[in-house]
Each structure stands twice: as C-alpha cells, then as structure tokens.
Amino acid sequence: MISPLSNLPLFHLGPLPVPESVVATWGIMLLLAGGGAMLTRRLQLVPSRTQAALELIVSTVDSQIR
C-alpha cells in the first residue's frame, strides 16, 4: 500500500528526482507569470475600464494586507 504522503519521483534530471508536486507547482507559477505579463503589457497613464477594475482589485488586496 502506498501512503498518500509519499513523494514518488515523476522523472529524474540527472541524479535529482523530480516529484509530481514540483512539476505542478512550476506549471502554476508559469501560468501566473504569463497571465501577469499579459495583463501588464499595455498599461496606460489614463486607465481603461479594465485597467481601472484591476487596479481597484490590487489596491483592495494591498489595503487588506497592510
């Protein structure tokens, strides 16, 4: 029986085992970084409605953190 807490390697990079959790984490990081790059590509000094909505969300989250 395999424990659900076991960390079996998905593949090896040379001597380093790479588990599925690392691959999933890197995939999520790539999606978030790509989405952030796409959203911030065409920012303007006079914001559009979409940019204003995103800035409102960011400032709300920022005020909740501080």
N, C-alpha and C. Protein backbone atom coordinates (compact mmCIF):
# COMPACT_ATOMS: atom_id res chain seq x y z
N MET A 1 0.85 -1.18 0.00
CA MET A 1 0.00 0.00 0.00
C MET A 1 0.89 1.24 0.00
N ILE A 2 0.58 2.19 -0.89
CA ILE A 2 1.37 3.42 -0.99
C ILE A 2 0.70 4.51 -0.17
N SER A 3 1.49 5.16 0.67
CA SER A 3 0.98 6.24 1.51
C SER A 3 0.66 7.46 0.65
N PRO A 4 -0.42 8.18 0.96
CA PRO A 4 -0.72 9.40 0.21
C PRO A 4 0.31 10.50 0.47
N LEU A 5 1.13 10.32 1.51
CA LEU A 5 2.15 11.30 1.82
C LEU A 5 3.48 10.99 1.14
N SER A 6 3.53 9.88 0.42
CA SER A 6 4.79 9.53 -0.24
C SER A 6 5.05 10.50 -1.39
N ASN A 7 6.30 10.70 -1.68
CA ASN A 7 6.70 11.67 -2.69
C ASN A 7 7.48 10.94 -3.78
N LEU A 8 6.78 10.19 -4.60
CA LEU A 8 7.43 9.40 -5.64
C LEU A 8 7.85 10.30 -6.79
N PRO A 9 9.04 10.08 -7.33
CA PRO A 9 9.50 10.93 -8.43
C PRO A 9 8.73 10.66 -9.72
N LEU A 10 8.44 11.73 -10.44
CA LEU A 10 7.78 11.64 -11.74
C LEU A 10 8.81 11.32 -12.82
N PHE A 11 10.00 11.96 -12.71
CA PHE A 11 11.13 11.68 -13.59
C PHE A 11 12.40 12.14 -12.89
N HIS A 12 13.52 11.92 -13.52
CA HIS A 12 14.82 12.30 -12.95
C HIS A 12 15.53 13.26 -13.89
N LEU A 13 16.14 14.28 -13.32
CA LEU A 13 17.03 15.18 -14.05
C LEU A 13 18.44 14.87 -13.56
N GLY A 14 19.09 14.01 -14.27
CA GLY A 14 20.39 13.53 -13.80
C GLY A 14 20.17 12.74 -12.52
N PRO A 15 20.87 13.09 -11.45
CA PRO A 15 20.69 12.36 -10.19
C PRO A 15 19.53 12.88 -9.34
N LEU A 16 18.87 13.96 -9.78
CA LEU A 16 17.82 14.58 -8.98
C LEU A 16 16.44 14.04 -9.34
N PRO A 17 15.72 13.49 -8.36
CA PRO A 17 14.34 13.07 -8.63
C PRO A 17 13.42 14.29 -8.61
N VAL A 18 12.49 14.36 -9.56
CA VAL A 18 11.55 15.47 -9.65
C VAL A 18 10.14 14.92 -9.40
N PRO A 19 9.56 15.22 -8.22
CA PRO A 19 8.22 14.70 -7.92
C PRO A 19 7.12 15.47 -8.64
N GLU A 20 5.94 14.88 -8.68
CA GLU A 20 4.80 15.49 -9.37
C GLU A 20 4.41 16.83 -8.76
N SER A 21 4.57 16.97 -7.45
CA SER A 21 4.21 18.24 -6.79
C SER A 21 5.08 19.39 -7.30
N VAL A 22 6.34 19.13 -7.58
CA VAL A 22 7.23 20.17 -8.10
C VAL A 22 6.81 20.56 -9.52
N VAL A 23 6.47 19.58 -10.33
CA VAL A 23 6.03 19.85 -11.70
C VAL A 23 4.73 20.67 -11.69
N ALA A 24 3.79 20.31 -10.81
CA ALA A 24 2.53 21.05 -10.72
C ALA A 24 2.77 22.47 -10.23
N THR A 25 3.64 22.64 -9.25
CA THR A 25 3.95 23.97 -8.73
C THR A 25 4.57 24.86 -9.80
N TRP A 26 5.51 24.32 -10.55
CA TRP A 26 6.15 25.10 -11.62
C TRP A 26 5.16 25.42 -12.73
N GLY A 27 4.24 24.51 -13.03
CA GLY A 27 3.21 24.78 -14.03
C GLY A 27 2.30 25.93 -13.60
N ILE A 28 1.90 25.93 -12.34
CA ILE A 28 1.06 27.01 -11.82
C ILE A 28 1.82 28.33 -11.83
N MET A 29 3.09 28.30 -11.46
CA MET A 29 3.91 29.52 -11.48
C MET A 29 4.03 30.08 -12.89
N LEU A 30 4.20 29.21 -13.88
CA LEU A 30 4.29 29.67 -15.27
C LEU A 30 2.98 30.30 -15.73
N LEU A 31 1.84 29.69 -15.36
CA LEU A 31 0.55 30.26 -15.73
C LEU A 31 0.34 31.63 -15.08
N LEU A 32 0.67 31.76 -13.80
CA LEU A 32 0.50 33.04 -13.12
C LEU A 32 1.44 34.11 -13.68
N ALA A 33 2.68 33.75 -13.96
CA ALA A 33 3.63 34.71 -14.52
C ALA A 33 3.21 35.13 -15.93
N GLY A 34 2.75 34.19 -16.73
CA GLY A 34 2.29 34.51 -18.08
C GLY A 34 1.05 35.39 -18.06
N GLY A 35 0.11 35.07 -17.17
CA GLY A 35 -1.09 35.89 -17.04
C GLY A 35 -0.76 37.30 -16.57
N GLY A 36 0.15 37.41 -15.61
CA GLY A 36 0.57 38.73 -15.13
C GLY A 36 1.25 39.54 -16.22
N ALA A 37 2.09 38.87 -17.01
CA ALA A 37 2.78 39.56 -18.10
C ALA A 37 1.78 40.04 -19.15
N MET A 38 0.77 39.22 -19.45
CA MET A 38 -0.23 39.62 -20.44
C MET A 38 -1.08 40.79 -19.93
N LEU A 39 -1.43 40.76 -18.64
CA LEU A 39 -2.27 41.82 -18.09
C LEU A 39 -1.54 43.15 -17.95
N THR A 40 -0.23 43.12 -17.76
CA THR A 40 0.52 44.36 -17.55
C THR A 40 1.23 44.84 -18.80
N ARG A 41 0.97 44.22 -19.92
CA ARG A 41 1.69 44.55 -21.15
C ARG A 41 1.31 45.92 -21.70
N ARG A 42 0.06 46.29 -21.63
CA ARG A 42 -0.40 47.55 -22.25
C ARG A 42 -1.02 48.50 -21.22
N LEU A 43 -0.32 48.74 -20.12
CA LEU A 43 -0.83 49.68 -19.13
C LEU A 43 -0.68 51.10 -19.64
N GLN A 44 -1.63 51.97 -19.25
CA GLN A 44 -1.63 53.35 -19.73
C GLN A 44 -1.73 54.30 -18.55
N LEU A 45 -1.30 55.55 -18.76
CA LEU A 45 -1.43 56.56 -17.70
C LEU A 45 -2.89 56.90 -17.45
N VAL A 46 -3.69 56.96 -18.50
CA VAL A 46 -5.14 57.15 -18.37
C VAL A 46 -5.75 55.76 -18.54
N PRO A 47 -6.16 55.14 -17.42
CA PRO A 47 -6.57 53.74 -17.50
C PRO A 47 -7.92 53.52 -18.19
N SER A 48 -8.01 52.37 -18.86
CA SER A 48 -9.28 51.94 -19.44
C SER A 48 -10.13 51.36 -18.32
N ARG A 49 -11.34 50.95 -18.64
CA ARG A 49 -12.21 50.36 -17.61
C ARG A 49 -11.62 49.08 -17.04
N THR A 50 -11.05 48.26 -17.91
CA THR A 50 -10.45 47.01 -17.45
C THR A 50 -9.27 47.28 -16.54
N GLN A 51 -8.41 48.21 -16.93
CA GLN A 51 -7.25 48.53 -16.11
C GLN A 51 -7.69 49.14 -14.78
N ALA A 52 -8.70 49.98 -14.79
CA ALA A 52 -9.20 50.59 -13.56
C ALA A 52 -9.77 49.52 -12.62
N ALA A 53 -10.48 48.54 -13.17
CA ALA A 53 -11.03 47.46 -12.35
C ALA A 53 -9.92 46.63 -11.73
N LEU A 54 -8.90 46.31 -12.53
CA LEU A 54 -7.78 45.53 -12.00
C LEU A 54 -7.01 46.31 -10.94
N GLU A 55 -6.82 47.62 -11.15
CA GLU A 55 -6.14 48.44 -10.15
C GLU A 55 -6.96 48.53 -8.87
N LEU A 56 -8.28 48.55 -8.97
CA LEU A 56 -9.14 48.56 -7.79
C LEU A 56 -8.96 47.27 -7.00
N ILE A 57 -8.91 46.14 -7.69
CA ILE A 57 -8.71 44.85 -7.03
C ILE A 57 -7.36 44.81 -6.33
N VAL A 58 -6.32 45.26 -7.03
CA VAL A 58 -4.98 45.24 -6.45
C VAL A 58 -4.89 46.15 -5.23
N SER A 59 -5.46 47.35 -5.32
CA SER A 59 -5.40 48.26 -4.18
C SER A 59 -6.22 47.75 -3.00
N THR A 60 -7.34 47.07 -3.27
CA THR A 60 -8.13 46.49 -2.19
C THR A 60 -7.36 45.38 -1.48
N VAL A 61 -6.74 44.51 -2.25
CA VAL A 61 -5.94 43.44 -1.65
C VAL A 61 -4.77 44.04 -0.87
N ASP A 62 -4.13 45.06 -1.44
CA ASP A 62 -3.00 45.71 -0.78
C ASP A 62 -3.42 46.34 0.54
N SER A 63 -4.59 46.98 0.57
CA SER A 63 -5.05 47.60 1.82
C SER A 63 -5.43 46.55 2.86
N GLN A 64 -5.88 45.38 2.43
CA GLN A 64 -6.20 44.31 3.37
C GLN A 64 -4.95 43.71 4.00
N ILE A 65 -3.86 43.70 3.24
CA ILE A 65 -2.61 43.12 3.73
C ILE A 65 -1.94 44.05 4.72
N ARG A 66 -1.98 45.34 4.47
CA ARG A 66 -1.27 46.30 5.33
C ARG A 66 -2.03 46.65 6.53
